[in-house]
């Protein structure tokens, strides 16, 4: 798909991090951008910043876990701009679960699935029929994670499970779009290959009351800065991927109609091969051993 000035891109989770970087990159290509985020103050700041840079912006506060709100987002986008060409289902949360999987609270699972899985499906269902019916070229990008498709992180099981669901959902979407001979492509995004400076570590600040923790945490939440300091104090090197590089990967992938938006990485490639070989050999997942912490 060619990205051209005047087209419209919708980005959820757009107030910061990867979402804001994608919106800014689309705006640099001359696209009009629709920003959606659950955090109003951050969204207003992001929209104002993009407008100051000359972008045509429409912003709306949206909880993607609420189907009605995503449907209203689509209505608002089409009322404002008359079309949508790029949809980035990017909003995501870390559930804050702790302990062994069987100890996780049901609300940790419910909240993570509401945003990370249902949020992606709500976006697909709200926008895809219009995008297909228009007959215009379009593209959908769903944000997953290395935890969900490359090397599942056992200690972050809730998050990893939801992101694995995004991979399969996007594979299914791709197949359905091809079967319909639609002019809309689909991609699954794996931001990286290193850590990202995003608000995911502080997701709990936006946790809805309906998914409130049922009991006090045994350990306090850690910010990204606190985690980084602890890693460096332990003598471990920490690398970060600029969110701007992720946004560039997305733009290049859309132009190339590339399904797997996966940055080059020897480490990721080795993990993918190890997982695939384990399946082919019908062997136990020894590739998980390095991720298991007591």
C-alpha atoms as a PDB file:
ATOM      1  CA  UNK A   1       0.000   0.000   0.000  1.00  0.00           C
ATOM      2  CA  UNK A   2       1.262   3.447  -0.855  1.00  0.00           C
ATOM      3  CA  UNK A   3       1.016   6.021   1.906  1.00  0.00           C
ATOM      4  CA  UNK A   4      -0.119   9.339   0.493  1.00  0.00           C
ATOM      5  CA  UNK A   5      -0.895  12.778   1.850  1.00  0.00           C
ATOM      6  CA  UNK A   6      -4.561  13.142   2.714  1.00  0.00           C
ATOM      7  CA  UNK A   7      -5.078   9.539   3.783  1.00  0.00           C
ATOM      8  CA  UNK A   8      -6.272   8.817   7.314  1.00  0.00           C
ATOM      9  CA  UNK A   9      -4.598   6.713  10.007  1.00  0.00           C
ATOM     10  CA  UNK A  10      -6.242   5.645  13.270  1.00  0.00           C
ATOM     11  CA  UNK A  11      -3.962   4.729  16.176  1.00  0.00           C
ATOM     12  CA  UNK A  12      -5.108   3.426  19.553  1.00  0.00           C
ATOM     13  CA  UNK A  13      -2.894   3.786  22.601  1.00  0.00           C
ATOM     14  CA  UNK A  14      -1.688   6.912  20.819  1.00  0.00           C
ATOM     15  CA  UNK A  15      -0.941   9.254  23.716  1.00  0.00           C
ATOM     16  CA  UNK A  16       2.590   7.984  24.293  1.00  0.00           C
ATOM     17  CA  UNK A  17       5.239   5.436  23.388  1.00  0.00           C
ATOM     18  CA  UNK A  18       4.931   3.417  20.200  1.00  0.00           C
ATOM     19  CA  UNK A  19       1.427   4.717  19.465  1.00  0.00           C
ATOM     20  CA  UNK A  20       2.466   8.352  19.516  1.00  0.00           C
ATOM     21  CA  UNK A  21       5.591   7.577  17.478  1.00  0.00           C
ATOM     22  CA  UNK A  22       3.444   5.880  14.808  1.00  0.00           C
ATOM     23  CA  UNK A  23       1.013   8.798  14.727  1.00  0.00           C
ATOM     24  CA  UNK A  24       3.870  11.261  14.351  1.00  0.00           C
ATOM     25  CA  UNK A  25       5.433   9.175  11.571  1.00  0.00           C
ATOM     26  CA  UNK A  26       2.126   8.966   9.672  1.00  0.00           C
ATOM     27  CA  UNK A  27       1.680  12.716  10.049  1.00  0.00           C
ATOM     28  CA  UNK A  28       5.153  13.220   8.574  1.00  0.00           C
ATOM     29  CA  UNK A  29       3.875  11.399   5.475  1.00  0.00           C
ATOM     30  CA  UNK A  30       0.995  13.878   5.250  1.00  0.00           C
ATOM     31  CA  UNK A  31      -1.671  11.562   6.658  1.00  0.00           C
ATOM     32  CA  UNK A  32      -4.442  12.854   8.877  1.00  0.00           C
ATOM     33  CA  UNK A  33      -4.283  11.080  12.215  1.00  0.00           C
ATOM     34  CA  UNK A  34      -6.975   9.934  14.620  1.00  0.00           C
ATOM     35  CA  UNK A  35      -5.592   9.474  18.118  1.00  0.00           C
ATOM     36  CA  UNK A  36      -7.370   7.287  20.660  1.00  0.00           C
ATOM     37  CA  UNK A  37      -6.272   6.710  24.231  1.00  0.00           C
ATOM     38  CA  UNK A  38      -7.825   6.062  27.623  1.00  0.00           C
ATOM     39  CA  UNK A  39      -5.734   8.762  29.355  1.00  0.00           C
ATOM     40  CA  UNK A  40      -7.277  12.136  28.589  1.00  0.00           C
ATOM     41  CA  UNK A  41      -4.537  14.476  29.805  1.00  0.00           C
ATOM     42  CA  UNK A  42      -1.797  12.608  27.941  1.00  0.00           C
ATOM     43  CA  UNK A  43      -3.994  12.420  24.838  1.00  0.00           C
ATOM     44  CA  UNK A  44      -4.625  16.168  24.862  1.00  0.00           C
ATOM     45  CA  UNK A  45      -0.889  16.805  25.195  1.00  0.00           C
ATOM     46  CA  UNK A  46      -0.066  14.429  22.338  1.00  0.00           C
ATOM     47  CA  UNK A  47      -2.696  15.960  20.056  1.00  0.00           C
ATOM     48  CA  UNK A  48      -1.520  19.489  20.826  1.00  0.00           C
ATOM     49  CA  UNK A  49       2.076  18.523  20.124  1.00  0.00           C
ATOM     50  CA  UNK A  50       1.214  17.008  16.752  1.00  0.00           C
ATOM     51  CA  UNK A  51      -0.920  19.991  15.774  1.00  0.00           C
ATOM     52  CA  UNK A  52       1.975  22.278  16.659  1.00  0.00           C
ATOM     53  CA  UNK A  53       4.050  20.266  14.178  1.00  0.00           C
ATOM     54  CA  UNK A  54       1.427  20.917  11.492  1.00  0.00           C
ATOM     55  CA  UNK A  55      -0.530  17.658  11.642  1.00  0.00           C
ATOM     56  CA  UNK A  56      -4.271  17.366  11.036  1.00  0.00           C
ATOM     57  CA  UNK A  57      -5.411  15.589  14.216  1.00  0.00           C
ATOM     58  CA  UNK A  58      -8.659  14.266  15.635  1.00  0.00           C
ATOM     59  CA  UNK A  59      -8.402  12.935  19.195  1.00  0.00           C
ATOM     60  CA  UNK A  60     -10.886  10.958  21.244  1.00  0.00           C
ATOM     61  CA  UNK A  61     -10.757   9.377  24.701  1.00  0.00           C
ATOM     62  CA  UNK A  62     -11.466   5.659  24.249  1.00  0.00           C
ATOM     63  CA  UNK A  63     -11.309   2.538  26.387  1.00  0.00           C
ATOM     64  CA  UNK A  64     -10.762  -0.077  23.679  1.00  0.00           C
ATOM     65  CA  UNK A  65     -12.042  -2.757  26.023  1.00  0.00           C
ATOM     66  CA  UNK A  66     -15.504  -1.204  25.672  1.00  0.00           C
ATOM     67  CA  UNK A  67     -16.970  -2.181  22.290  1.00  0.00           C
ATOM     68  CA  UNK A  68     -19.402   0.738  22.236  1.00  0.00           C
ATOM     69  CA  UNK A  69     -16.585   3.248  22.638  1.00  0.00           C
ATOM     70  CA  UNK A  70     -14.616   1.761  19.742  1.00  0.00           C
ATOM     71  CA  UNK A  71     -17.700   1.779  17.515  1.00  0.00           C
ATOM     72  CA  UNK A  72     -18.177   5.441  18.437  1.00  0.00           C
ATOM     73  CA  UNK A  73     -14.514   6.071  17.604  1.00  0.00           C
ATOM     74  CA  UNK A  74     -15.101   4.686  14.122  1.00  0.00           C
ATOM     75  CA  UNK A  75     -18.224   6.798  13.659  1.00  0.00           C
ATOM     76  CA  UNK A  76     -16.334   9.884  14.797  1.00  0.00           C
ATOM     77  CA  UNK A  77     -13.381   9.185  12.496  1.00  0.00           C
ATOM     78  CA  UNK A  78     -15.604   8.741   9.458  1.00  0.00           C
ATOM     79  CA  UNK A  79     -17.702  11.787  10.334  1.00  0.00           C
ATOM     80  CA  UNK A  80     -14.533  13.866  10.656  1.00  0.00           C
ATOM     81  CA  UNK A  81     -12.515  12.646   7.679  1.00  0.00           C
ATOM     82  CA  UNK A  82     -14.829  10.473   5.574  1.00  0.00           C
ATOM     83  CA  UNK A  83     -12.387   7.574   5.291  1.00  0.00           C
ATOM     84  CA  UNK A  84      -9.860   5.442   7.155  1.00  0.00           C
ATOM     85  CA  UNK A  85      -6.909   3.869   5.336  1.00  0.00           C
ATOM     86  CA  UNK A  86      -4.641   2.668   8.154  1.00  0.00           C
ATOM     87  CA  UNK A  87      -5.761   1.143  11.445  1.00  0.00           C
ATOM     88  CA  UNK A  88      -3.221   0.480  14.206  1.00  0.00           C
ATOM     89  CA  UNK A  89      -4.687  -1.532  17.075  1.00  0.00           C
ATOM     90  CA  UNK A  90      -1.871  -0.645  19.429  1.00  0.00           C
ATOM     91  CA  UNK A  91      -3.388  -0.069  22.881  1.00  0.00           C
ATOM     92  CA  UNK A  92      -2.126  -2.510  25.480  1.00  0.00           C
ATOM     93  CA  UNK A  93      -1.629  -3.015  29.199  1.00  0.00           C
ATOM     94  CA  UNK A  94       0.442  -5.095  31.566  1.00  0.00           C
ATOM     95  CA  UNK A  95      -1.977  -6.681  33.990  1.00  0.00           C
ATOM     96  CA  UNK A  96       0.126  -6.446  37.132  1.00  0.00           C
ATOM     97  CA  UNK A  97      -0.252 -10.150  37.899  1.00  0.00           C
ATOM     98  CA  UNK A  98       2.305 -11.634  40.278  1.00  0.00           C
ATOM     99  CA  UNK A  99       3.235 -15.074  41.534  1.00  0.00           C
ATOM    100  CA  UNK A 100       2.638 -18.385  39.783  1.00  0.00           C
ATOM    101  CA  UNK A 101       0.016 -18.588  37.068  1.00  0.00           C
ATOM    102  CA  UNK A 102      -2.441 -20.469  39.278  1.00  0.00           C
ATOM    103  CA  UNK A 103      -2.196 -17.661  41.816  1.00  0.00           C
ATOM    104  CA  UNK A 104      -3.189 -14.875  39.417  1.00  0.00           C
ATOM    105  CA  UNK A 105      -6.380 -13.023  40.178  1.00  0.00           C
ATOM    106  CA  UNK A 106      -9.204 -13.444  37.651  1.00  0.00           C
ATOM    107  CA  UNK A 107      -9.384  -9.659  37.311  1.00  0.00           C
ATOM    108  CA  UNK A 108      -5.747  -9.579  36.146  1.00  0.00           C
ATOM    109  CA  UNK A 109      -6.746 -11.844  33.269  1.00  0.00           C
ATOM    110  CA  UNK A 110     -10.013 -10.032  32.582  1.00  0.00           C
ATOM    111  CA  UNK A 111      -8.403  -6.613  32.347  1.00  0.00           C
ATOM    112  CA  UNK A 112      -5.537  -7.771  30.134  1.00  0.00           C
ATOM    113  CA  UNK A 113      -7.878  -9.633  27.788  1.00  0.00           C
ATOM    114  CA  UNK A 114     -10.273  -6.685  27.703  1.00  0.00           C
ATOM    115  CA  UNK A 115      -7.610  -4.347  26.322  1.00  0.00           C
ATOM    116  CA  UNK A 116      -5.002  -6.544  24.639  1.00  0.00           C
ATOM    117  CA  UNK A 117      -7.346  -9.008  22.922  1.00  0.00           C
ATOM    118  CA  UNK A 118     -10.889  -7.644  22.878  1.00  0.00           C
ATOM    119  CA  UNK A 119      -9.503  -4.185  22.129  1.00  0.00           C
ATOM    120  CA  UNK A 120      -7.900  -5.467  18.932  1.00  0.00           C
ATOM    121  CA  UNK A 121     -11.034  -7.337  17.887  1.00  0.00           C
ATOM    122  CA  UNK A 122     -13.233  -4.316  18.634  1.00  0.00           C
ATOM    123  CA  UNK A 123     -11.026  -2.248  16.335  1.00  0.00           C
ATOM    124  CA  UNK A 124     -11.237  -4.843  13.573  1.00  0.00           C
ATOM    125  CA  UNK A 125     -15.007  -5.116  13.836  1.00  0.00           C
ATOM    126  CA  UNK A 126     -15.572  -1.355  14.024  1.00  0.00           C
ATOM    127  CA  UNK A 127     -13.367  -0.327  11.091  1.00  0.00           C
ATOM    128  CA  UNK A 128     -12.826  -3.249   8.700  1.00  0.00           C
ATOM    129  CA  UNK A 129     -16.306  -3.373   7.115  1.00  0.00           C
ATOM    130  CA  UNK A 130     -15.999   0.310   6.155  1.00  0.00           C
ATOM    131  CA  UNK A 131     -12.430  -0.080   4.925  1.00  0.00           C
ATOM    132  CA  UNK A 132     -13.328  -3.073   2.754  1.00  0.00           C
ATOM    133  CA  UNK A 133     -16.516  -1.519   1.415  1.00  0.00           C
ATOM    134  CA  UNK A 134     -14.682   1.635   0.320  1.00  0.00           C
ATOM    135  CA  UNK A 135     -12.624  -0.364  -2.176  1.00  0.00           C
ATOM    136  CA  UNK A 136      -9.623   1.804  -1.346  1.00  0.00           C
ATOM    137  CA  UNK A 137      -6.224   0.422  -0.341  1.00  0.00           C
ATOM    138  CA  UNK A 138      -5.893  -0.017   3.392  1.00  0.00           C
ATOM    139  CA  UNK A 139      -3.866  -1.729   6.063  1.00  0.00           C
ATOM    140  CA  UNK A 140      -4.342  -3.002   9.619  1.00  0.00           C
ATOM    141  CA  UNK A 141      -1.447  -3.273  12.081  1.00  0.00           C
ATOM    142  CA  UNK A 142      -1.999  -5.172  15.335  1.00  0.00           C
ATOM    143  CA  UNK A 143       0.628  -4.772  18.051  1.00  0.00           C
ATOM    144  CA  UNK A 144       1.851  -7.964  19.692  1.00  0.00           C
ATOM    145  CA  UNK A 145       5.090  -8.526  21.603  1.00  0.00           C
ATOM    146  CA  UNK A 146       8.105 -10.803  21.637  1.00  0.00           C
ATOM    147  CA  UNK A 147       6.537 -12.260  24.784  1.00  0.00           C
ATOM    148  CA  UNK A 148       3.579 -13.391  22.722  1.00  0.00           C
ATOM    149  CA  UNK A 149       5.147 -14.984  19.704  1.00  0.00           C
ATOM    150  CA  UNK A 150       8.906 -15.225  19.802  1.00  0.00           C
ATOM    151  CA  UNK A 151       9.924 -16.200  23.324  1.00  0.00           C
ATOM    152  CA  UNK A 152       6.965 -16.392  25.718  1.00  0.00           C
ATOM    153  CA  UNK A 153       7.967 -15.054  29.109  1.00  0.00           C
ATOM    154  CA  UNK A 154       6.721 -17.483  31.787  1.00  0.00           C
ATOM    155  CA  UNK A 155       6.952 -14.857  34.517  1.00  0.00           C
ATOM    156  CA  UNK A 156       4.582 -12.577  32.568  1.00  0.00           C
ATOM    157  CA  UNK A 157       2.088 -15.240  31.617  1.00  0.00           C
ATOM    158  CA  UNK A 158      -1.038 -13.043  31.449  1.00  0.00           C
ATOM    159  CA  UNK A 159       0.576 -10.514  29.137  1.00  0.00           C
ATOM    160  CA  UNK A 160       2.248 -13.207  27.040  1.00  0.00           C
ATOM    161  CA  UNK A 161      -0.998 -15.132  26.553  1.00  0.00           C
ATOM    162  CA  UNK A 162      -2.872 -12.042  25.377  1.00  0.00           C
ATOM    163  CA  UNK A 163      -0.132 -11.083  22.941  1.00  0.00           C
ATOM    164  CA  UNK A 164      -0.016 -14.619  21.555  1.00  0.00           C
ATOM    165  CA  UNK A 165      -3.745 -14.275  20.892  1.00  0.00           C
ATOM    166  CA  UNK A 166      -3.045 -11.122  18.877  1.00  0.00           C
ATOM    167  CA  UNK A 167      -0.675 -13.066  16.620  1.00  0.00           C
ATOM    168  CA  UNK A 168      -3.251 -15.744  15.835  1.00  0.00           C
ATOM    169  CA  UNK A 169      -6.016 -13.164  15.444  1.00  0.00           C
ATOM    170  CA  UNK A 170      -3.932 -11.308  12.880  1.00  0.00           C
ATOM    171  CA  UNK A 171      -3.090 -14.503  10.989  1.00  0.00           C
ATOM    172  CA  UNK A 172      -6.822 -15.235  10.814  1.00  0.00           C
ATOM    173  CA  UNK A 173      -7.539 -11.680   9.706  1.00  0.00           C
ATOM    174  CA  UNK A 174      -4.945 -11.956   6.937  1.00  0.00           C
ATOM    175  CA  UNK A 175      -6.505 -15.174   5.663  1.00  0.00           C
ATOM    176  CA  UNK A 176     -10.026 -13.733   5.693  1.00  0.00           C
ATOM    177  CA  UNK A 177      -8.942 -10.582   3.875  1.00  0.00           C
ATOM    178  CA  UNK A 178      -7.233 -12.662   1.190  1.00  0.00           C
ATOM    179  CA  UNK A 179     -10.315 -14.855   0.824  1.00  0.00           C
ATOM    180  CA  UNK A 180     -12.411 -11.715   0.279  1.00  0.00           C
ATOM    181  CA  UNK A 181      -9.895 -10.353  -2.259  1.00  0.00           C
ATOM    182  CA  UNK A 182      -9.960  -7.174  -0.187  1.00  0.00           C
ATOM    183  CA  UNK A 183      -7.590  -4.304  -0.902  1.00  0.00           C
ATOM    184  CA  UNK A 184      -6.743  -4.223   2.799  1.00  0.00           C
ATOM    185  CA  UNK A 185      -3.581  -5.802   4.153  1.00  0.00           C
ATOM    186  CA  UNK A 186      -2.730  -6.962   7.656  1.00  0.00           C
ATOM    187  CA  UNK A 187       0.422  -7.038   9.762  1.00  0.00           C
ATOM    188  CA  UNK A 188       1.392  -8.105  13.258  1.00  0.00           C
ATOM    189  CA  UNK A 189       3.936  -5.862  14.961  1.00  0.00           C
ATOM    190  CA  UNK A 190       6.651  -7.054  17.338  1.00  0.00           C
ATOM    191  CA  UNK A 191       8.217  -3.859  18.730  1.00  0.00           C
ATOM    192  CA  UNK A 192      11.874  -4.195  19.553  1.00  0.00           C
ATOM    193  CA  UNK A 193      14.247  -5.965  19.349  1.00  0.00           C
ATOM    194  CA  UNK A 194      15.192  -4.424  22.708  1.00  0.00           C
ATOM    195  CA  UNK A 195      13.211  -2.915  25.568  1.00  0.00           C
ATOM    196  CA  UNK A 196      11.034   0.107  24.851  1.00  0.00           C
ATOM    197  CA  UNK A 197      10.513   3.238  26.893  1.00  0.00           C
ATOM    198  CA  UNK A 198       6.730   3.169  27.080  1.00  0.00           C
ATOM    199  CA  UNK A 199       4.064   3.572  29.740  1.00  0.00           C
ATOM    200  CA  UNK A 200       3.318  -0.152  29.820  1.00  0.00           C
ATOM    201  CA  UNK A 201       5.143  -0.523  33.137  1.00  0.00           C
ATOM    202  CA  UNK A 202       2.729   1.974  34.717  1.00  0.00           C
ATOM    203  CA  UNK A 203      -0.423   0.493  33.189  1.00  0.00           C
ATOM    204  CA  UNK A 204      -1.999   0.178  36.639  1.00  0.00           C
ATOM    205  CA  UNK A 205      -2.560   3.942  36.714  1.00  0.00           C
ATOM    206  CA  UNK A 206      -5.411   3.480  34.214  1.00  0.00           C
ATOM    207  CA  UNK A 207      -6.877   0.257  35.584  1.00  0.00           C
ATOM    208  CA  UNK A 208     -10.706   0.464  35.613  1.00  0.00           C
ATOM    209  CA  UNK A 209     -12.567  -0.072  38.840  1.00  0.00           C
ATOM    210  CA  UNK A 210     -14.492  -2.955  37.285  1.00  0.00           C
ATOM    211  CA  UNK A 211     -11.197  -4.866  37.064  1.00  0.00           C
ATOM    212  CA  UNK A 212      -9.775  -3.715  40.398  1.00  0.00           C
ATOM    213  CA  UNK A 213      -7.269  -5.853  42.275  1.00  0.00           C
ATOM    214  CA  UNK A 214      -9.053  -8.239  44.621  1.00  0.00           C
ATOM    215  CA  UNK A 215      -6.236  -8.304  47.179  1.00  0.00           C
ATOM    216  CA  UNK A 216      -3.191  -6.132  47.941  1.00  0.00           C
ATOM    217  CA  UNK A 217      -0.058  -6.771  45.925  1.00  0.00           C
ATOM    218  CA  UNK A 218       2.660  -8.695  47.733  1.00  0.00           C
ATOM    219  CA  UNK A 219       5.319  -6.667  45.946  1.00  0.00           C
ATOM    220  CA  UNK A 220       5.133  -2.990  44.936  1.00  0.00           C
ATOM    221  CA  UNK A 221       4.820  -1.982  41.303  1.00  0.00           C
ATOM    222  CA  UNK A 222       8.147  -1.087  39.719  1.00  0.00           C
ATOM    223  CA  UNK A 223       8.623   1.694  37.216  1.00  0.00           C
ATOM    224  CA  UNK A 224      10.775   1.149  34.153  1.00  0.00           C
ATOM    225  CA  UNK A 225      13.461   3.352  35.696  1.00  0.00           C
ATOM    226  CA  UNK A 226      13.463   1.245  38.861  1.00  0.00           C
ATOM    227  CA  UNK A 227      13.719  -1.970  36.854  1.00  0.00           C
ATOM    228  CA  UNK A 228      16.546  -0.549  34.746  1.00  0.00           C
ATOM    229  CA  UNK A 229      18.444   0.565  37.851  1.00  0.00           C
ATOM    230  CA  UNK A 230      18.062  -2.868  39.421  1.00  0.00           C
ATOM    231  CA  UNK A 231      19.305  -4.592  36.272  1.00  0.00           C
ATOM    232  CA  UNK A 232      22.348  -2.350  35.993  1.00  0.00           C
ATOM    233  CA  UNK A 233      23.095  -2.760  39.703  1.00  0.00           C
ATOM    234  CA  UNK A 234      23.134  -6.513  39.072  1.00  0.00           C
ATOM    235  CA  UNK A 235      25.700  -5.991  36.337  1.00  0.00           C
ATOM    236  CA  UNK A 236      23.293  -6.702  33.470  1.00  0.00           C
ATOM    237  CA  UNK A 237      23.330  -4.620  30.321  1.00  0.00           C
ATOM    238  CA  UNK A 238      20.031  -3.025  29.257  1.00  0.00           C
ATOM    239  CA  UNK A 239      19.422  -1.918  25.683  1.00  0.00           C
ATOM    240  CA  UNK A 240      16.494   0.153  24.458  1.00  0.00           C
ATOM    241  CA  UNK A 241      14.979   0.471  20.996  1.00  0.00           C
ATOM    242  CA  UNK A 242      13.845   4.021  20.160  1.00  0.00           C
ATOM    243  CA  UNK A 243      10.101   4.104  19.497  1.00  0.00           C
ATOM    244  CA  UNK A 244      10.859   6.076  16.350  1.00  0.00           C
ATOM    245  CA  UNK A 245      12.574   2.991  14.909  1.00  0.00           C
ATOM    246  CA  UNK A 246       9.439   0.958  15.574  1.00  0.00           C
ATOM    247  CA  UNK A 247       7.319   3.566  13.792  1.00  0.00           C
ATOM    248  CA  UNK A 248       9.658   3.465  10.796  1.00  0.00           C
ATOM    249  CA  UNK A 249       9.372  -0.335  10.724  1.00  0.00           C
ATOM    250  CA  UNK A 250       5.584   0.028  10.570  1.00  0.00           C
ATOM    251  CA  UNK A 251       5.646   2.514   7.707  1.00  0.00           C
ATOM    252  CA  UNK A 252       8.091   0.376   5.724  1.00  0.00           C
ATOM    253  CA  UNK A 253       6.015  -2.734   6.425  1.00  0.00           C
ATOM    254  CA  UNK A 254       2.777  -1.157   5.244  1.00  0.00           C
ATOM    255  CA  UNK A 255       4.434  -0.021   2.030  1.00  0.00           C
ATOM    256  CA  UNK A 256       5.823  -3.505   1.426  1.00  0.00           C
ATOM    257  CA  UNK A 257       2.574  -5.260   2.470  1.00  0.00           C
ATOM    258  CA  UNK A 258       4.664  -7.227   4.945  1.00  0.00           C
ATOM    259  CA  UNK A 259       2.802  -9.424   7.449  1.00  0.00           C
ATOM    260  CA  UNK A 260       5.562  -9.967  10.017  1.00  0.00           C
ATOM    261  CA  UNK A 261       6.760  -6.592  11.294  1.00  0.00           C
ATOM    262  CA  UNK A 262       9.702  -8.069  13.127  1.00  0.00           C
ATOM    263  CA  UNK A 263      12.962  -6.114  13.372  1.00  0.00           C
ATOM    264  CA  UNK A 264      16.175  -7.962  12.529  1.00  0.00           C
ATOM    265  CA  UNK A 265      17.739  -9.566  15.602  1.00  0.00           C
ATOM    266  CA  UNK A 266      20.049 -12.547  15.931  1.00  0.00           C
ATOM    267  CA  UNK A 267      18.645 -13.225  19.394  1.00  0.00           C
ATOM    268  CA  UNK A 268      15.017 -13.197  18.224  1.00  0.00           C
ATOM    269  CA  UNK A 269      15.847 -15.342  15.209  1.00  0.00           C
ATOM    270  CA  UNK A 270      17.580 -17.897  17.437  1.00  0.00           C
ATOM    271  CA  UNK A 271      14.558 -17.996  19.768  1.00  0.00           C
ATOM    272  CA  UNK A 272      12.163 -18.491  16.854  1.00  0.00           C
ATOM    273  CA  UNK A 273      14.278 -21.334  15.478  1.00  0.00           C
ATOM    274  CA  UNK A 274      14.565 -22.987  18.913  1.00  0.00           C
ATOM    275  CA  UNK A 275      10.817 -22.867  19.429  1.00  0.00           C
ATOM    276  CA  UNK A 276      10.050 -24.199  15.956  1.00  0.00           C
ATOM    277  CA  UNK A 277      12.632 -26.965  16.288  1.00  0.00           C
ATOM    278  CA  UNK A 278      11.192 -28.003  19.637  1.00  0.00           C
ATOM    279  CA  UNK A 279       7.786 -28.417  17.992  1.00  0.00           C
ATOM    280  CA  UNK A 280       9.195 -30.308  15.028  1.00  0.00           C
ATOM    281  CA  UNK A 281      11.119 -32.611  17.364  1.00  0.00           C
ATOM    282  CA  UNK A 282       8.103 -33.065  19.656  1.00  0.00           C
ATOM    283  CA  UNK A 283      10.557 -32.130  22.417  1.00  0.00           C
ATOM    284  CA  UNK A 284      10.074 -30.370  25.728  1.00  0.00           C
ATOM    285  CA  UNK A 285      10.484 -26.556  25.512  1.00  0.00           C
ATOM    286  CA  UNK A 286      14.064 -26.253  26.710  1.00  0.00           C
ATOM    287  CA  UNK A 287      14.167 -22.793  25.104  1.00  0.00           C
ATOM    288  CA  UNK A 288      12.097 -21.550  28.066  1.00  0.00           C
ATOM    289  CA  UNK A 289      14.692 -22.488  30.661  1.00  0.00           C
ATOM    290  CA  UNK A 290      16.578 -19.211  30.420  1.00  0.00           C
ATOM    291  CA  UNK A 291      13.386 -17.283  31.163  1.00  0.00           C
ATOM    292  CA  UNK A 292      12.389 -19.239  34.255  1.00  0.00           C
ATOM    293  CA  UNK A 293      13.130 -17.447  37.501  1.00  0.00           C
ATOM    294  CA  UNK A 294      12.678 -18.932  40.979  1.00  0.00           C
END
